[in-house]
């Protein structure tokens, strides 16, 4: 009886795992973010020099594709592609600007608006981030850094256009 039950569990595990893999609709488990900013140079400076992202590419969308894709209704634009590390599968942070301010007030807290309100970046040490935050006169939000557990702390800052960024990791 035990032999049949064990064999059945192995068969169930093997076929169950196969079904999950076979049923995936996604060719990648990475989500790429397109972030519209008011000032591209200010945002590139923030994301590269404060957050530490690297610019890994860029591309242009012409008027025709902007229209037929439904992205802009016919406005051309340029996209700068950033990553935390230039590795395959790393999340892409795609910055673009239409050189205008937001049509709504910037959020102070995550409950102030709908949609994506913050991003989380897990780090090996908060020390270099805190140094760059101080160097670039970026205001820490709340009473951060805040201890999360025996090892990790939480730091909260806001990007140039109000994107709230939480950094999580050890202080050292």
N, C-alpha and C. Protein backbone atom coordinates (compact mmCIF):
# COMPACT_ATOMS: atom_id res chain seq x y z
N UNK A 1 0.83 -1.20 0.00
CA UNK A 1 0.00 0.00 0.00
C UNK A 1 0.86 1.25 0.00
N UNK A 2 1.92 1.29 0.82
CA UNK A 2 2.80 2.45 0.88
C UNK A 2 3.48 2.66 -0.47
N UNK A 3 3.86 1.58 -1.14
CA UNK A 3 4.55 1.67 -2.41
C UNK A 3 3.65 2.30 -3.46
N UNK A 4 2.40 1.95 -3.49
CA UNK A 4 1.44 2.51 -4.45
C UNK A 4 1.22 4.00 -4.14
N UNK A 5 1.05 4.34 -2.89
CA UNK A 5 0.82 5.74 -2.51
C UNK A 5 2.03 6.59 -2.87
N UNK A 6 3.25 6.12 -2.58
CA UNK A 6 4.45 6.86 -2.89
C UNK A 6 4.58 7.03 -4.41
N UNK A 7 4.35 5.98 -5.17
CA UNK A 7 4.42 6.05 -6.63
C UNK A 7 3.39 7.02 -7.17
N UNK A 8 2.20 6.99 -6.60
CA UNK A 8 1.14 7.90 -7.03
C UNK A 8 1.54 9.35 -6.76
N UNK A 9 2.12 9.63 -5.58
CA UNK A 9 2.55 10.99 -5.26
C UNK A 9 3.65 11.47 -6.21
N UNK A 10 4.59 10.58 -6.53
CA UNK A 10 5.66 10.94 -7.48
C UNK A 10 5.05 11.26 -8.84
N UNK A 11 4.14 10.43 -9.31
CA UNK A 11 3.47 10.66 -10.60
C UNK A 11 2.68 11.97 -10.57
N UNK A 12 1.97 12.21 -9.50
CA UNK A 12 1.20 13.44 -9.37
C UNK A 12 2.14 14.65 -9.38
N UNK A 13 3.25 14.57 -8.65
CA UNK A 13 4.21 15.67 -8.60
C UNK A 13 4.79 15.94 -9.99
N UNK A 14 5.19 14.88 -10.67
CA UNK A 14 5.82 15.05 -11.99
C UNK A 14 4.83 15.59 -13.02
N UNK A 15 3.64 15.07 -13.06
CA UNK A 15 2.68 15.56 -14.06
C UNK A 15 2.13 16.91 -13.67
N UNK A 16 1.99 17.16 -12.37
CA UNK A 16 1.52 18.47 -11.92
C UNK A 16 2.50 19.56 -12.30
N UNK A 17 3.79 19.31 -12.10
CA UNK A 17 4.82 20.28 -12.47
C UNK A 17 4.84 20.53 -13.96
N UNK A 18 4.66 19.48 -14.74
CA UNK A 18 4.65 19.62 -16.20
C UNK A 18 3.48 20.47 -16.65
N UNK A 19 2.33 20.27 -16.04
CA UNK A 19 1.15 21.02 -16.44
C UNK A 19 1.33 22.51 -16.17
N UNK A 20 1.95 22.85 -15.07
CA UNK A 20 2.18 24.27 -14.75
C UNK A 20 3.08 24.88 -15.81
N UNK A 21 4.17 24.21 -16.17
CA UNK A 21 5.10 24.73 -17.17
C UNK A 21 4.41 24.82 -18.54
N UNK A 22 3.67 23.81 -18.90
CA UNK A 22 3.05 23.78 -20.22
C UNK A 22 1.95 24.83 -20.36
N UNK A 23 1.35 25.26 -19.26
CA UNK A 23 0.23 26.19 -19.33
C UNK A 23 0.63 27.66 -19.24
N UNK A 24 1.92 27.97 -19.09
CA UNK A 24 2.34 29.36 -18.97
C UNK A 24 2.08 30.12 -20.26
N UNK A 25 1.53 31.30 -20.12
CA UNK A 25 1.27 32.16 -21.27
C UNK A 25 2.36 33.19 -21.46
N UNK A 26 3.39 33.17 -20.62
CA UNK A 26 4.39 34.22 -20.61
C UNK A 26 5.72 33.72 -21.16
N UNK A 27 6.33 34.50 -22.02
CA UNK A 27 7.64 34.15 -22.55
C UNK A 27 8.76 34.67 -21.64
N UNK A 28 8.41 35.53 -20.69
CA UNK A 28 9.37 36.06 -19.72
C UNK A 28 8.62 36.34 -18.42
N UNK A 29 9.30 36.17 -17.31
CA UNK A 29 8.69 36.48 -16.02
C UNK A 29 9.04 37.89 -15.56
N UNK A 30 9.70 38.66 -16.41
CA UNK A 30 10.08 40.03 -16.09
C UNK A 30 9.03 40.99 -16.64
N UNK A 31 8.65 41.97 -15.84
CA UNK A 31 7.77 43.04 -16.28
C UNK A 31 8.63 44.26 -16.52
N UNK A 32 8.45 44.91 -17.67
CA UNK A 32 9.19 46.12 -18.00
C UNK A 32 8.29 47.32 -17.75
N UNK A 33 8.86 48.39 -17.19
CA UNK A 33 8.08 49.57 -16.84
C UNK A 33 8.41 50.73 -17.77
N UNK A 34 7.39 51.38 -18.30
CA UNK A 34 7.54 52.61 -19.05
C UNK A 34 7.13 53.76 -18.15
N UNK A 35 8.06 54.68 -17.90
CA UNK A 35 7.81 55.76 -16.95
C UNK A 35 7.90 57.09 -17.70
N UNK A 36 6.79 57.81 -17.77
CA UNK A 36 6.77 59.12 -18.41
C UNK A 36 7.20 60.15 -17.37
N UNK A 37 8.21 60.94 -17.73
CA UNK A 37 8.77 61.93 -16.81
C UNK A 37 8.67 63.32 -17.43
N UNK A 38 8.72 64.35 -16.59
CA UNK A 38 8.60 65.71 -17.10
C UNK A 38 9.93 66.24 -17.64
N UNK A 39 11.04 65.82 -17.05
CA UNK A 39 12.36 66.31 -17.44
C UNK A 39 13.30 65.11 -17.57
N UNK A 40 13.62 64.73 -18.80
CA UNK A 40 14.39 63.51 -19.03
C UNK A 40 15.78 63.59 -18.43
N UNK A 41 16.45 64.72 -18.55
CA UNK A 41 17.81 64.84 -18.00
C UNK A 41 17.82 64.73 -16.48
N UNK A 42 16.87 65.38 -15.83
CA UNK A 42 16.76 65.32 -14.37
C UNK A 42 16.48 63.88 -13.93
N UNK A 43 15.61 63.20 -14.65
CA UNK A 43 15.26 61.81 -14.30
C UNK A 43 16.42 60.86 -14.57
N UNK A 44 17.10 61.03 -15.70
CA UNK A 44 18.27 60.19 -15.98
C UNK A 44 19.33 60.37 -14.89
N UNK A 45 19.55 61.61 -14.48
CA UNK A 45 20.50 61.89 -13.41
C UNK A 45 20.09 61.18 -12.12
N UNK A 46 18.82 61.29 -11.75
CA UNK A 46 18.33 60.66 -10.53
C UNK A 46 18.48 59.14 -10.57
N UNK A 47 17.96 58.52 -11.64
CA UNK A 47 17.96 57.06 -11.69
C UNK A 47 19.35 56.46 -11.87
N UNK A 48 20.27 57.19 -12.52
CA UNK A 48 21.63 56.65 -12.69
C UNK A 48 22.53 57.04 -11.52
N UNK A 49 22.49 58.28 -11.08
CA UNK A 49 23.44 58.74 -10.06
C UNK A 49 22.97 58.57 -8.62
N UNK A 50 21.68 58.51 -8.38
CA UNK A 50 21.17 58.29 -7.02
C UNK A 50 20.80 56.82 -6.83
N UNK A 51 19.96 56.30 -7.70
CA UNK A 51 19.54 54.89 -7.57
C UNK A 51 20.66 53.95 -8.01
N UNK A 52 21.44 54.34 -9.01
CA UNK A 52 22.55 53.50 -9.46
C UNK A 52 22.23 52.63 -10.66
N UNK A 53 21.16 52.94 -11.36
CA UNK A 53 20.83 52.18 -12.57
C UNK A 53 21.83 52.51 -13.67
N UNK A 54 21.91 51.64 -14.66
CA UNK A 54 22.76 51.85 -15.82
C UNK A 54 21.89 52.01 -17.06
N UNK A 55 22.27 52.95 -17.91
CA UNK A 55 21.59 53.08 -19.19
C UNK A 55 22.12 51.97 -20.10
N UNK A 56 21.23 51.13 -20.58
CA UNK A 56 21.64 49.97 -21.37
C UNK A 56 21.17 50.04 -22.82
N UNK A 57 20.38 51.05 -23.13
CA UNK A 57 19.91 51.18 -24.51
C UNK A 57 18.96 52.34 -24.64
N UNK A 58 18.52 52.53 -25.86
CA UNK A 58 17.56 53.57 -26.16
C UNK A 58 16.93 53.25 -27.51
N UNK A 59 15.75 53.80 -27.74
CA UNK A 59 15.10 53.63 -29.04
C UNK A 59 14.10 54.74 -29.24
N UNK A 60 13.67 54.90 -30.47
CA UNK A 60 12.70 55.93 -30.82
C UNK A 60 11.42 55.29 -31.34
N UNK A 61 10.32 55.91 -31.05
CA UNK A 61 9.02 55.52 -31.60
C UNK A 61 8.61 56.66 -32.53
N UNK A 62 8.33 56.33 -33.78
CA UNK A 62 7.95 57.39 -34.72
C UNK A 62 6.45 57.67 -34.64
N UNK A 63 6.03 58.72 -35.33
CA UNK A 63 4.62 59.15 -35.29
C UNK A 63 3.67 58.04 -35.73
N UNK A 64 4.06 57.32 -36.80
CA UNK A 64 3.19 56.27 -37.34
C UNK A 64 2.95 55.16 -36.31
N UNK A 65 4.05 54.67 -35.71
CA UNK A 65 3.88 53.60 -34.73
C UNK A 65 3.16 54.12 -33.48
N UNK A 66 3.45 55.37 -33.10
CA UNK A 66 2.75 55.96 -31.96
C UNK A 66 1.25 55.95 -32.17
N UNK A 67 0.83 56.18 -33.42
CA UNK A 67 -0.60 56.21 -33.74
C UNK A 67 -1.20 54.81 -33.87
N UNK A 68 -0.58 53.95 -34.72
CA UNK A 68 -1.20 52.64 -34.96
C UNK A 68 -1.15 51.73 -33.73
N UNK A 69 -0.15 51.95 -32.86
CA UNK A 69 -0.06 51.14 -31.65
C UNK A 69 -1.03 51.61 -30.57
N UNK A 70 -1.48 52.86 -30.68
CA UNK A 70 -2.34 53.42 -29.65
C UNK A 70 -1.58 54.02 -28.48
N UNK A 71 -0.25 54.07 -28.58
CA UNK A 71 0.55 54.61 -27.48
C UNK A 71 0.37 56.11 -27.31
N UNK A 72 0.46 56.88 -28.40
CA UNK A 72 0.44 58.34 -28.29
C UNK A 72 -0.59 59.02 -29.17
N UNK A 73 -1.21 58.31 -30.06
CA UNK A 73 -2.13 58.95 -30.98
C UNK A 73 -1.41 59.70 -32.09
N UNK A 74 -0.12 59.44 -32.28
CA UNK A 74 0.61 60.03 -33.39
C UNK A 74 1.75 60.94 -33.01
N UNK A 75 2.20 60.90 -31.78
CA UNK A 75 3.35 61.71 -31.35
C UNK A 75 4.58 60.80 -31.26
N UNK A 76 5.68 61.25 -31.87
CA UNK A 76 6.94 60.51 -31.79
C UNK A 76 7.57 60.75 -30.41
N UNK A 77 8.37 59.80 -29.95
CA UNK A 77 9.08 59.98 -28.68
C UNK A 77 10.31 59.10 -28.62
N UNK A 78 11.19 59.45 -27.69
CA UNK A 78 12.45 58.74 -27.46
C UNK A 78 12.36 58.02 -26.12
N UNK A 79 12.94 56.82 -26.04
CA UNK A 79 12.94 56.03 -24.82
C UNK A 79 14.38 55.70 -24.42
N UNK A 80 14.74 55.99 -23.18
CA UNK A 80 16.02 55.58 -22.60
C UNK A 80 15.75 54.37 -21.71
N UNK A 81 16.51 53.30 -21.93
CA UNK A 81 16.29 52.05 -21.20
C UNK A 81 17.36 51.90 -20.11
N UNK A 82 16.89 51.74 -18.87
CA UNK A 82 17.77 51.58 -17.72
C UNK A 82 17.53 50.21 -17.07
N UNK A 83 18.55 49.70 -16.40
CA UNK A 83 18.44 48.47 -15.62
C UNK A 83 19.25 48.63 -14.35
N UNK A 84 18.90 47.87 -13.32
CA UNK A 84 19.72 47.84 -12.11
C UNK A 84 21.08 47.24 -12.44
N UNK A 85 21.10 46.20 -13.24
CA UNK A 85 22.32 45.57 -13.74
C UNK A 85 22.07 45.18 -15.18
N UNK A 86 23.09 45.30 -16.01
CA UNK A 86 22.96 44.97 -17.43
C UNK A 86 23.09 43.46 -17.61
N UNK A 87 22.03 42.76 -17.25
CA UNK A 87 21.99 41.31 -17.36
C UNK A 87 20.70 40.91 -18.07
N UNK A 88 20.73 39.83 -18.84
CA UNK A 88 19.49 39.35 -19.48
C UNK A 88 18.44 39.05 -18.42
N UNK A 89 17.22 39.43 -18.68
CA UNK A 89 16.13 39.16 -17.75
C UNK A 89 15.98 40.19 -16.66
N UNK A 90 16.91 41.15 -16.54
CA UNK A 90 16.77 42.20 -15.52
C UNK A 90 15.63 43.13 -15.93
N UNK A 91 14.92 43.63 -14.94
CA UNK A 91 13.81 44.55 -15.18
C UNK A 91 14.30 45.77 -15.94
N UNK A 92 13.52 46.19 -16.93
CA UNK A 92 13.85 47.40 -17.67
C UNK A 92 12.99 48.55 -17.15
N UNK A 93 13.62 49.68 -16.93
CA UNK A 93 12.98 50.91 -16.48
C UNK A 93 13.11 51.87 -17.64
N UNK A 94 12.05 52.01 -18.42
CA UNK A 94 12.10 52.78 -19.67
C UNK A 94 11.56 54.19 -19.44
N UNK A 95 12.46 55.18 -19.57
CA UNK A 95 12.11 56.57 -19.35
C UNK A 95 11.81 57.27 -20.66
N UNK A 96 10.74 58.07 -20.66
CA UNK A 96 10.40 58.89 -21.82
C UNK A 96 9.80 60.19 -21.33
N UNK A 97 9.93 61.24 -22.14
CA UNK A 97 9.40 62.53 -21.73
C UNK A 97 8.70 63.20 -22.90
N UNK A 98 7.61 63.86 -22.59
CA UNK A 98 6.89 64.67 -23.56
C UNK A 98 7.02 66.15 -23.19
N UNK A 99 8.00 66.43 -22.31
CA UNK A 99 8.37 67.78 -21.89
C UNK A 99 7.19 68.60 -21.37
N UNK A 100 6.42 67.97 -20.49
CA UNK A 100 5.33 68.68 -19.83
C UNK A 100 5.14 68.10 -18.44
N UNK A 101 4.60 68.92 -17.57
CA UNK A 101 4.35 68.47 -16.20
C UNK A 101 3.15 67.54 -16.16
N UNK A 102 3.03 66.80 -15.08
CA UNK A 102 1.89 65.89 -14.89
C UNK A 102 0.59 66.69 -14.88
N UNK A 103 -0.46 66.07 -15.37
CA UNK A 103 -1.77 66.71 -15.41
C UNK A 103 -2.51 66.61 -14.08
N UNK A 104 -1.90 65.93 -13.12
CA UNK A 104 -2.51 65.76 -11.79
C UNK A 104 -1.46 66.05 -10.73
N UNK A 105 -1.89 66.36 -9.51
CA UNK A 105 -0.90 66.63 -8.45
C UNK A 105 -0.06 65.39 -8.17
N UNK A 106 1.20 65.60 -7.82
CA UNK A 106 2.07 64.48 -7.47
C UNK A 106 1.66 63.92 -6.11
N UNK A 107 1.75 62.60 -5.99
CA UNK A 107 1.40 61.94 -4.74
C UNK A 107 2.43 62.22 -3.66
N UNK A 108 1.96 62.42 -2.44
CA UNK A 108 2.85 62.53 -1.29
C UNK A 108 2.92 61.18 -0.59
N UNK A 109 1.80 60.47 -0.60
CA UNK A 109 1.70 59.15 0.01
C UNK A 109 1.11 58.19 -1.01
N UNK A 110 1.28 56.89 -0.78
CA UNK A 110 0.81 55.92 -1.76
C UNK A 110 -0.71 55.89 -1.92
N UNK A 111 -1.45 56.37 -0.93
CA UNK A 111 -2.92 56.36 -1.02
C UNK A 111 -3.46 57.56 -1.79
N UNK A 112 -2.60 58.48 -2.23
CA UNK A 112 -3.05 59.72 -2.87
C UNK A 112 -3.56 59.55 -4.29
N UNK A 113 -3.27 58.46 -4.94
CA UNK A 113 -3.68 58.29 -6.34
C UNK A 113 -3.84 56.80 -6.62
N UNK A 114 -4.31 56.47 -7.79
CA UNK A 114 -4.43 55.08 -8.20
C UNK A 114 -3.29 54.76 -9.16
N UNK A 115 -3.17 53.51 -9.52
CA UNK A 115 -2.10 53.09 -10.43
C UNK A 115 -0.85 52.72 -9.64
N UNK A 116 0.24 52.54 -10.35
CA UNK A 116 1.50 52.19 -9.71
C UNK A 116 1.95 53.38 -8.88
N UNK A 117 2.09 53.19 -7.59
CA UNK A 117 2.45 54.29 -6.69
C UNK A 117 3.87 54.17 -6.14
N UNK A 118 4.43 52.96 -6.13
CA UNK A 118 5.79 52.81 -5.64
C UNK A 118 6.43 51.57 -6.22
N UNK A 119 7.76 51.56 -6.15
CA UNK A 119 8.53 50.39 -6.56
C UNK A 119 9.45 50.02 -5.41
N UNK A 120 9.78 48.74 -5.33
CA UNK A 120 10.67 48.23 -4.30
C UNK A 120 11.95 47.75 -4.94
N UNK A 121 13.07 48.18 -4.37
CA UNK A 121 14.38 47.73 -4.84
C UNK A 121 15.10 47.12 -3.64
N UNK A 122 15.42 45.84 -3.73
CA UNK A 122 16.14 45.15 -2.67
C UNK A 122 17.63 45.28 -2.95
N UNK A 123 18.39 45.67 -1.92
CA UNK A 123 19.81 45.95 -2.09
C UNK A 123 20.65 45.15 -1.10
N UNK A 124 21.93 45.00 -1.40
CA UNK A 124 22.82 44.26 -0.51
C UNK A 124 23.29 45.11 0.66
N UNK A 125 23.30 46.45 0.46
CA UNK A 125 23.67 47.38 1.52
C UNK A 125 23.05 48.73 1.22
N UNK A 126 22.44 49.34 2.21
CA UNK A 126 21.85 50.67 2.03
C UNK A 126 22.89 51.78 2.09
N UNK A 127 24.07 51.47 2.61
CA UNK A 127 25.09 52.50 2.83
C UNK A 127 25.40 53.32 1.57
N UNK A 128 25.72 52.72 0.41
CA UNK A 128 26.02 53.56 -0.75
C UNK A 128 24.81 54.35 -1.24
N UNK A 129 23.63 53.82 -1.05
CA UNK A 129 22.42 54.53 -1.45
C UNK A 129 22.20 55.75 -0.57
N UNK A 130 22.36 55.57 0.73
CA UNK A 130 22.19 56.68 1.65
C UNK A 130 23.23 57.77 1.39
N UNK A 131 24.44 57.37 1.04
CA UNK A 131 25.48 58.35 0.70
C UNK A 131 25.10 59.14 -0.54
N UNK A 132 24.61 58.46 -1.58
CA UNK A 132 24.21 59.15 -2.82
C UNK A 132 22.96 60.01 -2.59
N UNK A 133 22.05 59.52 -1.77
CA UNK A 133 20.84 60.30 -1.45
C UNK A 133 21.25 61.61 -0.78
N UNK A 134 22.16 61.54 0.17
CA UNK A 134 22.64 62.73 0.87
C UNK A 134 23.39 63.65 -0.09
N UNK A 135 24.28 63.08 -0.90
CA UNK A 135 25.09 63.87 -1.85
C UNK A 135 24.22 64.66 -2.82
N UNK A 136 23.10 64.07 -3.24
CA UNK A 136 22.22 64.70 -4.24
C UNK A 136 21.04 65.43 -3.59
N UNK A 137 21.10 65.61 -2.27
CA UNK A 137 20.06 66.36 -1.53
C UNK A 137 18.65 65.81 -1.76
N UNK A 138 18.54 64.50 -1.75
CA UNK A 138 17.23 63.85 -1.87
C UNK A 138 16.68 63.68 -0.45
N UNK A 139 15.44 64.08 -0.26
CA UNK A 139 14.80 64.01 1.05
C UNK A 139 14.36 62.57 1.35
N UNK A 140 14.72 62.08 2.54
CA UNK A 140 14.20 60.80 3.01
C UNK A 140 12.76 61.03 3.44
N UNK A 141 11.86 60.12 3.08
CA UNK A 141 10.45 60.24 3.45
C UNK A 141 10.20 59.51 4.76
N UNK A 142 9.19 59.97 5.48
CA UNK A 142 8.87 59.36 6.77
C UNK A 142 10.03 59.52 7.72
N UNK A 143 10.19 58.56 8.60
CA UNK A 143 11.30 58.55 9.55
C UNK A 143 12.32 57.49 9.14
N UNK A 144 12.53 57.35 7.85
CA UNK A 144 13.43 56.31 7.36
C UNK A 144 14.88 56.77 7.47
N UNK A 145 15.79 55.80 7.64
CA UNK A 145 15.62 54.35 7.59
C UNK A 145 14.88 53.81 8.82
N UNK A 146 14.08 52.79 8.58
CA UNK A 146 13.32 52.11 9.61
C UNK A 146 13.74 50.65 9.62
N UNK A 147 13.97 50.09 10.80
CA UNK A 147 14.34 48.68 10.92
C UNK A 147 13.14 47.79 10.60
N UNK A 148 13.37 46.76 9.77
CA UNK A 148 12.32 45.80 9.45
C UNK A 148 12.49 44.51 10.26
N UNK A 149 13.74 44.14 10.48
CA UNK A 149 14.05 42.94 11.25
C UNK A 149 15.49 43.07 11.72
N UNK A 150 16.08 41.98 12.16
CA UNK A 150 17.45 42.02 12.69
C UNK A 150 18.47 42.44 11.64
N UNK A 151 18.15 42.29 10.37
CA UNK A 151 19.11 42.58 9.30
C UNK A 151 18.70 43.76 8.43
N UNK A 152 17.47 43.77 7.99
CA UNK A 152 17.04 44.70 6.96
C UNK A 152 16.41 45.99 7.49
N UNK A 153 16.64 47.03 6.72
CA UNK A 153 16.04 48.33 6.98
C UNK A 153 15.29 48.78 5.72
N UNK A 154 14.45 49.77 5.91
CA UNK A 154 13.58 50.30 4.87
C UNK A 154 13.86 51.79 4.72
N UNK A 155 14.15 52.23 3.49
CA UNK A 155 14.37 53.64 3.19
C UNK A 155 13.36 54.04 2.12
N UNK A 156 12.76 55.21 2.27
CA UNK A 156 11.76 55.67 1.32
C UNK A 156 12.17 57.05 0.78
N UNK A 157 12.17 57.16 -0.56
CA UNK A 157 12.46 58.42 -1.23
C UNK A 157 11.48 58.59 -2.38
N UNK A 158 11.50 59.77 -2.98
CA UNK A 158 10.64 60.05 -4.12
C UNK A 158 11.49 60.50 -5.29
N UNK A 159 11.15 59.99 -6.49
CA UNK A 159 11.84 60.41 -7.70
C UNK A 159 11.40 61.80 -8.12
N UNK A 160 12.03 62.36 -9.16
CA UNK A 160 11.73 63.72 -9.60
C UNK A 160 10.26 63.96 -9.96
N UNK A 161 9.56 62.93 -10.41
CA UNK A 161 8.16 63.09 -10.79
C UNK A 161 7.20 62.42 -9.81
N UNK A 162 7.69 62.15 -8.59
CA UNK A 162 6.82 61.64 -7.55
C UNK A 162 6.75 60.13 -7.42
N UNK A 163 7.47 59.37 -8.24
CA UNK A 163 7.48 57.93 -8.07
C UNK A 163 8.14 57.61 -6.74
N UNK A 164 7.42 56.93 -5.87
CA UNK A 164 7.94 56.60 -4.54
C UNK A 164 8.77 55.33 -4.67
N UNK A 165 9.96 55.37 -4.11
CA UNK A 165 10.89 54.25 -4.22
C UNK A 165 11.28 53.80 -2.83
N UNK A 166 11.03 52.50 -2.57
CA UNK A 166 11.48 51.94 -1.30
C UNK A 166 12.71 51.08 -1.56
N UNK A 167 13.73 51.31 -0.75
CA UNK A 167 14.96 50.55 -0.80
C UNK A 167 14.99 49.70 0.45
N UNK A 168 15.26 48.39 0.28
CA UNK A 168 15.26 47.47 1.41
C UNK A 168 16.56 46.69 1.43
N UNK A 169 17.21 46.69 2.60
CA UNK A 169 18.45 45.94 2.76
C UNK A 169 19.11 46.28 4.07
N UNK A 170 20.26 45.65 4.34
CA UNK A 170 21.00 45.97 5.57
C UNK A 170 21.62 47.37 5.47
N UNK A 171 21.82 48.02 6.62
CA UNK A 171 22.42 49.34 6.62
C UNK A 171 23.87 49.32 6.12
N UNK A 172 24.62 48.29 6.43
CA UNK A 172 26.03 48.17 5.99
C UNK A 172 26.17 47.24 4.82
